[in-house]
């Protein structure tokens, strides 16, 4: 009976009924991105027009000219790229090592250390902001890209996600590598890490997204506009008396493109990680 009903439903509705709900919701969430794209090709007058113009009668490149002619914009883009790349690599390397240690090794105080580390996830940034600033100042990293990289080289979320993923892998895989003569570290990099691609992709995307879009910490740690990240540099387009809205929209669209590319490139592994590394004791 269920098969008959399923065949009838496919005959009249060639897709899942859930699509009737998900498609309108997806379109609703896509509206801000569509408005960003359209407004990036408008002039300031068109953007400030009331009622707002959804589809302009003419397209303009004033915002892109303003952004690309700004001598510091390429430098801001490069700074953000350097910081995001180093932070992503750091979280992958140190996160894998720490996550594997918590998942496979038993040492004194491991559970206490894991609990304390996970406890830091609930501490808001406003509480750690001043101590982090003082540490970076002692290290002489204030107003350098190092002040943005060092505090984020490894995060509790990355360690926890890798630990959960490694717990889901059978130990027999590593034991077979040990029998073949591999050391524990060699088995980790040659056997375990290739199997952890879903977790690697998830950590890379989320870390890149967080680092690329960060504004609060660069605003505190940087003073020289040559060291600004992209998000901090775009904030300078908004003045107290006048705002270049076309440049703001064009710059934000350029800033969104790397994030979309990163997510689309790792979308499959991201979903696999969510389904395979569920919380495990």
C-alpha atoms as a PDB file:
ATOM      1  CA  UNK A   1       0.000   0.000   0.000  1.00  0.00           C
ATOM      2  CA  UNK A   2       2.828   2.372   0.844  1.00  0.00           C
ATOM      3  CA  UNK A   3       4.453   1.665  -2.520  1.00  0.00           C
ATOM      4  CA  UNK A   4       1.199   2.459  -4.338  1.00  0.00           C
ATOM      5  CA  UNK A   5       0.805   5.751  -2.500  1.00  0.00           C
ATOM      6  CA  UNK A   6       4.450   6.602  -3.230  1.00  0.00           C
ATOM      7  CA  UNK A   7       3.955   5.873  -6.933  1.00  0.00           C
ATOM      8  CA  UNK A   8       0.832   8.049  -7.030  1.00  0.00           C
ATOM      9  CA  UNK A   9       2.654  10.886  -5.277  1.00  0.00           C
ATOM     10  CA  UNK A  10       5.554  10.707  -7.732  1.00  0.00           C
ATOM     11  CA  UNK A  11       3.073  10.755 -10.605  1.00  0.00           C
ATOM     12  CA  UNK A  12       1.407  13.964  -9.461  1.00  0.00           C
ATOM     13  CA  UNK A  13       4.375  15.489  -7.610  1.00  0.00           C
ATOM     14  CA  UNK A  14       7.753  14.624  -9.190  1.00  0.00           C
ATOM     15  CA  UNK A  15       9.669  15.895  -6.141  1.00  0.00           C
ATOM     16  CA  UNK A  16       9.529  15.638  -2.372  1.00  0.00           C
ATOM     17  CA  UNK A  17       6.651  17.548  -0.702  1.00  0.00           C
ATOM     18  CA  UNK A  18       9.252  19.132   1.562  1.00  0.00           C
ATOM     19  CA  UNK A  19      10.453  21.129  -1.454  1.00  0.00           C
ATOM     20  CA  UNK A  20       7.181  23.091  -1.313  1.00  0.00           C
ATOM     21  CA  UNK A  21       8.356  24.432   2.036  1.00  0.00           C
ATOM     22  CA  UNK A  22      12.123  24.531   1.498  1.00  0.00           C
ATOM     23  CA  UNK A  23      12.089  26.390  -1.841  1.00  0.00           C
ATOM     24  CA  UNK A  24      10.171  29.464  -0.505  1.00  0.00           C
ATOM     25  CA  UNK A  25      12.379  29.506   2.600  1.00  0.00           C
ATOM     26  CA  UNK A  26      15.527  29.327   0.433  1.00  0.00           C
ATOM     27  CA  UNK A  27      14.257  32.189  -1.725  1.00  0.00           C
ATOM     28  CA  UNK A  28      13.546  34.224   1.410  1.00  0.00           C
ATOM     29  CA  UNK A  29      17.105  33.731   2.666  1.00  0.00           C
ATOM     30  CA  UNK A  30      18.478  34.547  -0.800  1.00  0.00           C
ATOM     31  CA  UNK A  31      16.766  37.953  -0.932  1.00  0.00           C
ATOM     32  CA  UNK A  32      19.498  39.827   1.022  1.00  0.00           C
ATOM     33  CA  UNK A  33      22.177  38.425  -1.312  1.00  0.00           C
ATOM     34  CA  UNK A  34      20.094  39.366  -4.364  1.00  0.00           C
ATOM     35  CA  UNK A  35      19.649  42.899  -2.989  1.00  0.00           C
ATOM     36  CA  UNK A  36      23.405  43.122  -2.358  1.00  0.00           C
ATOM     37  CA  UNK A  37      24.150  42.139  -5.953  1.00  0.00           C
ATOM     38  CA  UNK A  38      21.616  44.567  -7.454  1.00  0.00           C
ATOM     39  CA  UNK A  39      22.543  47.492  -5.213  1.00  0.00           C
ATOM     40  CA  UNK A  40      26.249  47.058  -6.018  1.00  0.00           C
ATOM     41  CA  UNK A  41      25.378  48.168  -9.568  1.00  0.00           C
ATOM     42  CA  UNK A  42      23.415  51.234  -8.407  1.00  0.00           C
ATOM     43  CA  UNK A  43      24.473  54.780  -7.705  1.00  0.00           C
ATOM     44  CA  UNK A  44      24.161  56.334  -4.264  1.00  0.00           C
ATOM     45  CA  UNK A  45      21.063  58.205  -5.431  1.00  0.00           C
ATOM     46  CA  UNK A  46      19.378  54.988  -6.566  1.00  0.00           C
ATOM     47  CA  UNK A  47      20.188  53.225  -3.304  1.00  0.00           C
ATOM     48  CA  UNK A  48      18.887  56.120  -1.189  1.00  0.00           C
ATOM     49  CA  UNK A  49      15.711  56.461  -3.250  1.00  0.00           C
ATOM     50  CA  UNK A  50      12.414  55.935  -1.426  1.00  0.00           C
ATOM     51  CA  UNK A  51      10.562  53.762  -2.029  1.00  0.00           C
ATOM     52  CA  UNK A  52      13.603  51.619  -2.783  1.00  0.00           C
ATOM     53  CA  UNK A  53      14.228  50.406  -6.313  1.00  0.00           C
ATOM     54  CA  UNK A  54      14.474  46.642  -6.476  1.00  0.00           C
ATOM     55  CA  UNK A  55      15.461  46.467 -10.153  1.00  0.00           C
ATOM     56  CA  UNK A  56      17.212  49.668 -11.323  1.00  0.00           C
ATOM     57  CA  UNK A  57      16.432  51.150 -14.721  1.00  0.00           C
ATOM     58  CA  UNK A  58      20.174  51.374 -15.450  1.00  0.00           C
ATOM     59  CA  UNK A  59      23.307  49.675 -14.125  1.00  0.00           C
ATOM     60  CA  UNK A  60      26.381  51.571 -12.971  1.00  0.00           C
ATOM     61  CA  UNK A  61      29.895  50.575 -11.960  1.00  0.00           C
ATOM     62  CA  UNK A  62      30.577  53.604  -9.738  1.00  0.00           C
ATOM     63  CA  UNK A  63      30.845  51.456  -6.607  1.00  0.00           C
ATOM     64  CA  UNK A  64      33.329  49.042  -8.167  1.00  0.00           C
ATOM     65  CA  UNK A  65      35.416  51.912  -9.559  1.00  0.00           C
ATOM     66  CA  UNK A  66      35.531  53.538  -6.121  1.00  0.00           C
ATOM     67  CA  UNK A  67      36.591  50.267  -4.481  1.00  0.00           C
ATOM     68  CA  UNK A  68      39.144  49.123  -7.045  1.00  0.00           C
ATOM     69  CA  UNK A  69      40.659  52.585  -7.442  1.00  0.00           C
ATOM     70  CA  UNK A  70      41.274  52.704  -3.705  1.00  0.00           C
ATOM     71  CA  UNK A  71      44.985  52.021  -3.431  1.00  0.00           C
ATOM     72  CA  UNK A  72      44.631  50.124  -0.146  1.00  0.00           C
ATOM     73  CA  UNK A  73      41.829  47.765  -1.183  1.00  0.00           C
ATOM     74  CA  UNK A  74      44.165  45.127  -2.733  1.00  0.00           C
ATOM     75  CA  UNK A  75      46.325  45.335   0.397  1.00  0.00           C
ATOM     76  CA  UNK A  76      43.254  44.763   2.615  1.00  0.00           C
ATOM     77  CA  UNK A  77      42.227  41.785   0.502  1.00  0.00           C
ATOM     78  CA  UNK A  78      45.758  40.335   0.735  1.00  0.00           C
ATOM     79  CA  UNK A  79      45.861  40.854   4.518  1.00  0.00           C
ATOM     80  CA  UNK A  80      42.557  39.028   4.978  1.00  0.00           C
ATOM     81  CA  UNK A  81      43.733  36.222   2.712  1.00  0.00           C
ATOM     82  CA  UNK A  82      47.001  35.779   4.631  1.00  0.00           C
ATOM     83  CA  UNK A  83      45.317  35.792   8.032  1.00  0.00           C
ATOM     84  CA  UNK A  84      42.527  33.422   6.950  1.00  0.00           C
ATOM     85  CA  UNK A  85      44.920  30.992   5.233  1.00  0.00           C
ATOM     86  CA  UNK A  86      47.363  30.782   8.164  1.00  0.00           C
ATOM     87  CA  UNK A  87      44.559  30.430  10.721  1.00  0.00           C
ATOM     88  CA  UNK A  88      42.856  27.687   8.704  1.00  0.00           C
ATOM     89  CA  UNK A  89      46.120  25.724   8.313  1.00  0.00           C
ATOM     90  CA  UNK A  90      46.901  26.180  12.008  1.00  0.00           C
ATOM     91  CA  UNK A  91      43.487  24.880  13.087  1.00  0.00           C
ATOM     92  CA  UNK A  92      43.787  21.882  10.772  1.00  0.00           C
ATOM     93  CA  UNK A  93      47.275  20.892  11.957  1.00  0.00           C
ATOM     94  CA  UNK A  94      46.952  21.607  15.688  1.00  0.00           C
ATOM     95  CA  UNK A  95      43.294  20.569  15.784  1.00  0.00           C
ATOM     96  CA  UNK A  96      44.106  17.156  14.297  1.00  0.00           C
ATOM     97  CA  UNK A  97      46.961  16.581  16.744  1.00  0.00           C
ATOM     98  CA  UNK A  98      45.000  17.669  19.815  1.00  0.00           C
ATOM     99  CA  UNK A  99      41.799  15.952  18.733  1.00  0.00           C
ATOM    100  CA  UNK A 100      43.628  12.669  18.113  1.00  0.00           C
ATOM    101  CA  UNK A 101      45.335  12.902  21.495  1.00  0.00           C
ATOM    102  CA  UNK A 102      42.019  13.362  23.313  1.00  0.00           C
ATOM    103  CA  UNK A 103      40.376  10.582  21.275  1.00  0.00           C
ATOM    104  CA  UNK A 104      43.062   7.894  21.404  1.00  0.00           C
ATOM    105  CA  UNK A 105      45.564   8.642  24.160  1.00  0.00           C
ATOM    106  CA  UNK A 106      44.909   8.218  27.857  1.00  0.00           C
ATOM    107  CA  UNK A 107      46.969  10.452  30.111  1.00  0.00           C
ATOM    108  CA  UNK A 108      46.525  12.002  33.510  1.00  0.00           C
ATOM    109  CA  UNK A 109      44.028  14.837  33.560  1.00  0.00           C
ATOM    110  CA  UNK A 110      42.885  14.344  29.953  1.00  0.00           C
ATOM    111  CA  UNK A 111      39.189  14.466  30.827  1.00  0.00           C
ATOM    112  CA  UNK A 112      39.694  17.522  33.039  1.00  0.00           C
ATOM    113  CA  UNK A 113      41.650  19.288  30.301  1.00  0.00           C
ATOM    114  CA  UNK A 114      38.949  18.447  27.743  1.00  0.00           C
ATOM    115  CA  UNK A 115      36.220  19.754  30.046  1.00  0.00           C
ATOM    116  CA  UNK A 116      38.097  22.993  30.722  1.00  0.00           C
ATOM    117  CA  UNK A 117      38.791  23.454  27.030  1.00  0.00           C
ATOM    118  CA  UNK A 118      35.148  22.952  26.088  1.00  0.00           C
ATOM    119  CA  UNK A 119      34.161  25.316  28.888  1.00  0.00           C
ATOM    120  CA  UNK A 120      35.946  28.125  27.072  1.00  0.00           C
ATOM    121  CA  UNK A 121      33.370  27.829  24.272  1.00  0.00           C
ATOM    122  CA  UNK A 122      30.765  29.508  26.489  1.00  0.00           C
ATOM    123  CA  UNK A 123      33.045  32.403  27.471  1.00  0.00           C
ATOM    124  CA  UNK A 124      32.111  35.489  25.418  1.00  0.00           C
ATOM    125  CA  UNK A 125      34.756  37.370  23.474  1.00  0.00           C
ATOM    126  CA  UNK A 126      34.189  40.517  25.551  1.00  0.00           C
ATOM    127  CA  UNK A 127      35.641  38.792  28.616  1.00  0.00           C
ATOM    128  CA  UNK A 128      38.820  37.541  26.932  1.00  0.00           C
ATOM    129  CA  UNK A 129      39.323  40.650  24.822  1.00  0.00           C
ATOM    130  CA  UNK A 130      41.416  42.642  27.313  1.00  0.00           C
ATOM    131  CA  UNK A 131      43.654  39.731  28.462  1.00  0.00           C
ATOM    132  CA  UNK A 132      44.270  38.784  24.825  1.00  0.00           C
ATOM    133  CA  UNK A 133      45.166  42.372  23.985  1.00  0.00           C
ATOM    134  CA  UNK A 134      47.636  42.561  26.897  1.00  0.00           C
ATOM    135  CA  UNK A 135      49.287  39.284  25.868  1.00  0.00           C
ATOM    136  CA  UNK A 136      49.625  40.432  22.259  1.00  0.00           C
ATOM    137  CA  UNK A 137      51.069  43.722  23.497  1.00  0.00           C
ATOM    138  CA  UNK A 138      53.666  41.882  25.611  1.00  0.00           C
ATOM    139  CA  UNK A 139      54.612  39.853  22.538  1.00  0.00           C
ATOM    140  CA  UNK A 140      54.953  43.024  20.459  1.00  0.00           C
ATOM    141  CA  UNK A 141      52.300  41.908  17.962  1.00  0.00           C
ATOM    142  CA  UNK A 142      49.815  44.761  18.304  1.00  0.00           C
ATOM    143  CA  UNK A 143      49.197  46.518  14.971  1.00  0.00           C
ATOM    144  CA  UNK A 144      50.546  43.541  13.041  1.00  0.00           C
ATOM    145  CA  UNK A 145      48.844  40.631  11.321  1.00  0.00           C
ATOM    146  CA  UNK A 146      50.372  38.389  13.985  1.00  0.00           C
ATOM    147  CA  UNK A 147      47.913  39.815  16.510  1.00  0.00           C
ATOM    148  CA  UNK A 148      45.094  38.388  14.384  1.00  0.00           C
ATOM    149  CA  UNK A 149      46.776  35.034  13.716  1.00  0.00           C
ATOM    150  CA  UNK A 150      48.257  33.904  17.034  1.00  0.00           C
ATOM    151  CA  UNK A 151      45.064  33.944  19.189  1.00  0.00           C
ATOM    152  CA  UNK A 152      43.194  31.878  16.559  1.00  0.00           C
ATOM    153  CA  UNK A 153      45.828  29.323  15.547  1.00  0.00           C
ATOM    154  CA  UNK A 154      43.828  26.604  17.312  1.00  0.00           C
ATOM    155  CA  UNK A 155      40.258  26.761  18.599  1.00  0.00           C
ATOM    156  CA  UNK A 156      38.372  24.497  21.038  1.00  0.00           C
ATOM    157  CA  UNK A 157      35.720  23.864  18.394  1.00  0.00           C
ATOM    158  CA  UNK A 158      38.262  22.426  15.948  1.00  0.00           C
ATOM    159  CA  UNK A 159      39.780  20.171  18.620  1.00  0.00           C
ATOM    160  CA  UNK A 160      36.362  18.938  19.730  1.00  0.00           C
ATOM    161  CA  UNK A 161      35.133  18.246  16.200  1.00  0.00           C
ATOM    162  CA  UNK A 162      38.257  16.270  15.311  1.00  0.00           C
ATOM    163  CA  UNK A 163      38.028  14.331  18.579  1.00  0.00           C
ATOM    164  CA  UNK A 164      34.426  13.343  17.864  1.00  0.00           C
ATOM    165  CA  UNK A 165      35.316  12.280  14.340  1.00  0.00           C
ATOM    166  CA  UNK A 166      38.299  10.193  15.457  1.00  0.00           C
ATOM    167  CA  UNK A 167      36.135   8.474  18.076  1.00  0.00           C
ATOM    168  CA  UNK A 168      33.841   7.324  15.263  1.00  0.00           C
ATOM    169  CA  UNK A 169      36.717   5.593  13.443  1.00  0.00           C
ATOM    170  CA  UNK A 170      37.461   1.950  14.369  1.00  0.00           C
ATOM    171  CA  UNK A 171      40.767   1.383  16.112  1.00  0.00           C
ATOM    172  CA  UNK A 172      41.456  -1.621  13.894  1.00  0.00           C
ATOM    173  CA  UNK A 173      42.463   0.729  11.068  1.00  0.00           C
ATOM    174  CA  UNK A 174      45.325   2.146  13.115  1.00  0.00           C
ATOM    175  CA  UNK A 175      46.273  -1.232  14.579  1.00  0.00           C
ATOM    176  CA  UNK A 176      46.722  -2.619  11.071  1.00  0.00           C
ATOM    177  CA  UNK A 177      49.069   0.274  10.263  1.00  0.00           C
ATOM    178  CA  UNK A 178      51.049  -0.359  13.454  1.00  0.00           C
ATOM    179  CA  UNK A 179      51.456  -4.021  12.517  1.00  0.00           C
ATOM    180  CA  UNK A 180      52.881  -2.896   9.158  1.00  0.00           C
ATOM    181  CA  UNK A 181      55.550  -0.930  10.997  1.00  0.00           C
ATOM    182  CA  UNK A 182      54.038   2.571  11.127  1.00  0.00           C
ATOM    183  CA  UNK A 183      54.564   4.694  14.193  1.00  0.00           C
ATOM    184  CA  UNK A 184      51.543   6.291  15.831  1.00  0.00           C
ATOM    185  CA  UNK A 185      52.278   9.668  14.253  1.00  0.00           C
ATOM    186  CA  UNK A 186      52.903   8.143  10.811  1.00  0.00           C
ATOM    187  CA  UNK A 187      49.657   6.150  11.055  1.00  0.00           C
ATOM    188  CA  UNK A 188      47.839   9.344  11.950  1.00  0.00           C
ATOM    189  CA  UNK A 189      49.021  11.290   8.893  1.00  0.00           C
ATOM    190  CA  UNK A 190      48.970   8.440   6.371  1.00  0.00           C
ATOM    191  CA  UNK A 191      45.886   6.501   7.460  1.00  0.00           C
ATOM    192  CA  UNK A 192      43.646   8.477   9.796  1.00  0.00           C
ATOM    193  CA  UNK A 193      43.875  11.981   8.338  1.00  0.00           C
ATOM    194  CA  UNK A 194      42.873  10.908   4.777  1.00  0.00           C
ATOM    195  CA  UNK A 195      39.729   9.375   6.289  1.00  0.00           C
ATOM    196  CA  UNK A 196      38.969  12.623   8.107  1.00  0.00           C
ATOM    197  CA  UNK A 197      38.250  14.679   4.989  1.00  0.00           C
ATOM    198  CA  UNK A 198      34.692  15.550   6.083  1.00  0.00           C
ATOM    199  CA  UNK A 199      35.956  16.910   9.393  1.00  0.00           C
ATOM    200  CA  UNK A 200      38.848  18.696   7.686  1.00  0.00           C
ATOM    201  CA  UNK A 201      36.479  20.389   5.237  1.00  0.00           C
ATOM    202  CA  UNK A 202      34.067  21.431   7.981  1.00  0.00           C
ATOM    203  CA  UNK A 203      36.777  22.941  10.185  1.00  0.00           C
ATOM    204  CA  UNK A 204      38.374  24.682   7.197  1.00  0.00           C
ATOM    205  CA  UNK A 205      35.098  26.278   6.033  1.00  0.00           C
ATOM    206  CA  UNK A 206      33.901  27.401   9.470  1.00  0.00           C
ATOM    207  CA  UNK A 207      37.333  28.715  10.451  1.00  0.00           C
ATOM    208  CA  UNK A 208      37.714  30.568   7.159  1.00  0.00           C
ATOM    209  CA  UNK A 209      34.230  32.055   7.500  1.00  0.00           C
ATOM    210  CA  UNK A 210      34.833  33.235  11.072  1.00  0.00           C
ATOM    211  CA  UNK A 211      38.281  34.674  10.357  1.00  0.00           C
ATOM    212  CA  UNK A 212      37.361  36.318   7.056  1.00  0.00           C
ATOM    213  CA  UNK A 213      34.310  38.091   8.501  1.00  0.00           C
ATOM    214  CA  UNK A 214      35.858  39.100  11.827  1.00  0.00           C
ATOM    215  CA  UNK A 215      35.630  42.824  12.516  1.00  0.00           C
ATOM    216  CA  UNK A 216      35.690  43.296  16.298  1.00  0.00           C
ATOM    217  CA  UNK A 217      39.183  41.956  17.047  1.00  0.00           C
ATOM    218  CA  UNK A 218      40.946  43.636  14.061  1.00  0.00           C
ATOM    219  CA  UNK A 219      39.285  46.894  15.095  1.00  0.00           C
ATOM    220  CA  UNK A 220      40.961  46.581  18.505  1.00  0.00           C
ATOM    221  CA  UNK A 221      44.320  45.134  17.483  1.00  0.00           C
ATOM    222  CA  UNK A 222      45.112  47.234  14.378  1.00  0.00           C
ATOM    223  CA  UNK A 223      45.806  50.950  14.032  1.00  0.00           C
ATOM    224  CA  UNK A 224      47.700  51.318  10.746  1.00  0.00           C
ATOM    225  CA  UNK A 225      45.348  51.269   7.750  1.00  0.00           C
ATOM    226  CA  UNK A 226      47.990  49.348   5.745  1.00  0.00           C
ATOM    227  CA  UNK A 227      47.422  46.409   8.094  1.00  0.00           C
ATOM    228  CA  UNK A 228      43.628  46.529   7.935  1.00  0.00           C
ATOM    229  CA  UNK A 229      41.727  43.434   6.958  1.00  0.00           C
ATOM    230  CA  UNK A 230      39.060  43.610   4.270  1.00  0.00           C
ATOM    231  CA  UNK A 231      36.136  43.928   6.668  1.00  0.00           C
ATOM    232  CA  UNK A 232      37.850  46.663   8.665  1.00  0.00           C
ATOM    233  CA  UNK A 233      38.833  48.523   5.517  1.00  0.00           C
ATOM    234  CA  UNK A 234      35.283  48.415   4.152  1.00  0.00           C
ATOM    235  CA  UNK A 235      34.071  49.985   7.381  1.00  0.00           C
ATOM    236  CA  UNK A 236      36.051  53.125   6.487  1.00  0.00           C
ATOM    237  CA  UNK A 237      33.719  53.690   3.521  1.00  0.00           C
ATOM    238  CA  UNK A 238      31.005  54.644   6.002  1.00  0.00           C
ATOM    239  CA  UNK A 239      31.503  58.158   7.313  1.00  0.00           C
ATOM    240  CA  UNK A 240      29.731  60.183   9.967  1.00  0.00           C
ATOM    241  CA  UNK A 241      28.182  62.597   7.476  1.00  0.00           C
ATOM    242  CA  UNK A 242      28.323  60.746   4.168  1.00  0.00           C
ATOM    243  CA  UNK A 243      28.469  57.083   3.211  1.00  0.00           C
ATOM    244  CA  UNK A 244      29.496  55.657  -0.147  1.00  0.00           C
ATOM    245  CA  UNK A 245      26.754  53.050  -0.213  1.00  0.00           C
ATOM    246  CA  UNK A 246      27.526  51.892  -3.729  1.00  0.00           C
ATOM    247  CA  UNK A 247      31.150  51.268  -2.694  1.00  0.00           C
ATOM    248  CA  UNK A 248      30.017  49.524   0.494  1.00  0.00           C
ATOM    249  CA  UNK A 249      27.758  47.191  -1.485  1.00  0.00           C
ATOM    250  CA  UNK A 250      30.392  46.497  -4.154  1.00  0.00           C
ATOM    251  CA  UNK A 251      33.097  45.867  -1.572  1.00  0.00           C
ATOM    252  CA  UNK A 252      30.877  43.549   0.461  1.00  0.00           C
ATOM    253  CA  UNK A 253      29.966  41.596  -2.656  1.00  0.00           C
ATOM    254  CA  UNK A 254      33.667  41.115  -3.429  1.00  0.00           C
ATOM    255  CA  UNK A 255      34.198  40.019   0.180  1.00  0.00           C
ATOM    256  CA  UNK A 256      31.328  37.502  -0.016  1.00  0.00           C
ATOM    257  CA  UNK A 257      32.608  35.755  -3.155  1.00  0.00           C
ATOM    258  CA  UNK A 258      35.537  33.872  -1.450  1.00  0.00           C
ATOM    259  CA  UNK A 259      33.179  32.667   1.290  1.00  0.00           C
ATOM    260  CA  UNK A 260      30.678  31.322  -1.243  1.00  0.00           C
ATOM    261  CA  UNK A 261      33.431  29.620  -3.223  1.00  0.00           C
ATOM    262  CA  UNK A 262      34.841  27.998  -0.062  1.00  0.00           C
ATOM    263  CA  UNK A 263      31.448  26.711   1.028  1.00  0.00           C
ATOM    264  CA  UNK A 264      30.428  25.403  -2.377  1.00  0.00           C
ATOM    265  CA  UNK A 265      33.784  23.661  -2.799  1.00  0.00           C
ATOM    266  CA  UNK A 266      33.416  21.780   0.509  1.00  0.00           C
ATOM    267  CA  UNK A 267      29.637  21.492   0.734  1.00  0.00           C
ATOM    268  CA  UNK A 268      29.614  17.699   0.337  1.00  0.00           C
ATOM    269  CA  UNK A 269      32.280  17.063   2.971  1.00  0.00           C
ATOM    270  CA  UNK A 270      30.585  19.592   5.275  1.00  0.00           C
ATOM    271  CA  UNK A 271      27.326  17.615   5.180  1.00  0.00           C
ATOM    272  CA  UNK A 272      29.160  14.306   5.602  1.00  0.00           C
ATOM    273  CA  UNK A 273      30.863  15.625   8.724  1.00  0.00           C
ATOM    274  CA  UNK A 274      27.578  16.704  10.278  1.00  0.00           C
ATOM    275  CA  UNK A 275      26.102  13.248   9.729  1.00  0.00           C
ATOM    276  CA  UNK A 276      29.130  11.125  10.630  1.00  0.00           C
ATOM    277  CA  UNK A 277      30.634  12.977  13.624  1.00  0.00           C
ATOM    278  CA  UNK A 278      27.608  13.183  15.872  1.00  0.00           C
ATOM    279  CA  UNK A 279      28.242  13.675  19.567  1.00  0.00           C
ATOM    280  CA  UNK A 280      29.778  10.546  21.028  1.00  0.00           C
ATOM    281  CA  UNK A 281      30.817   9.960  24.594  1.00  0.00           C
END
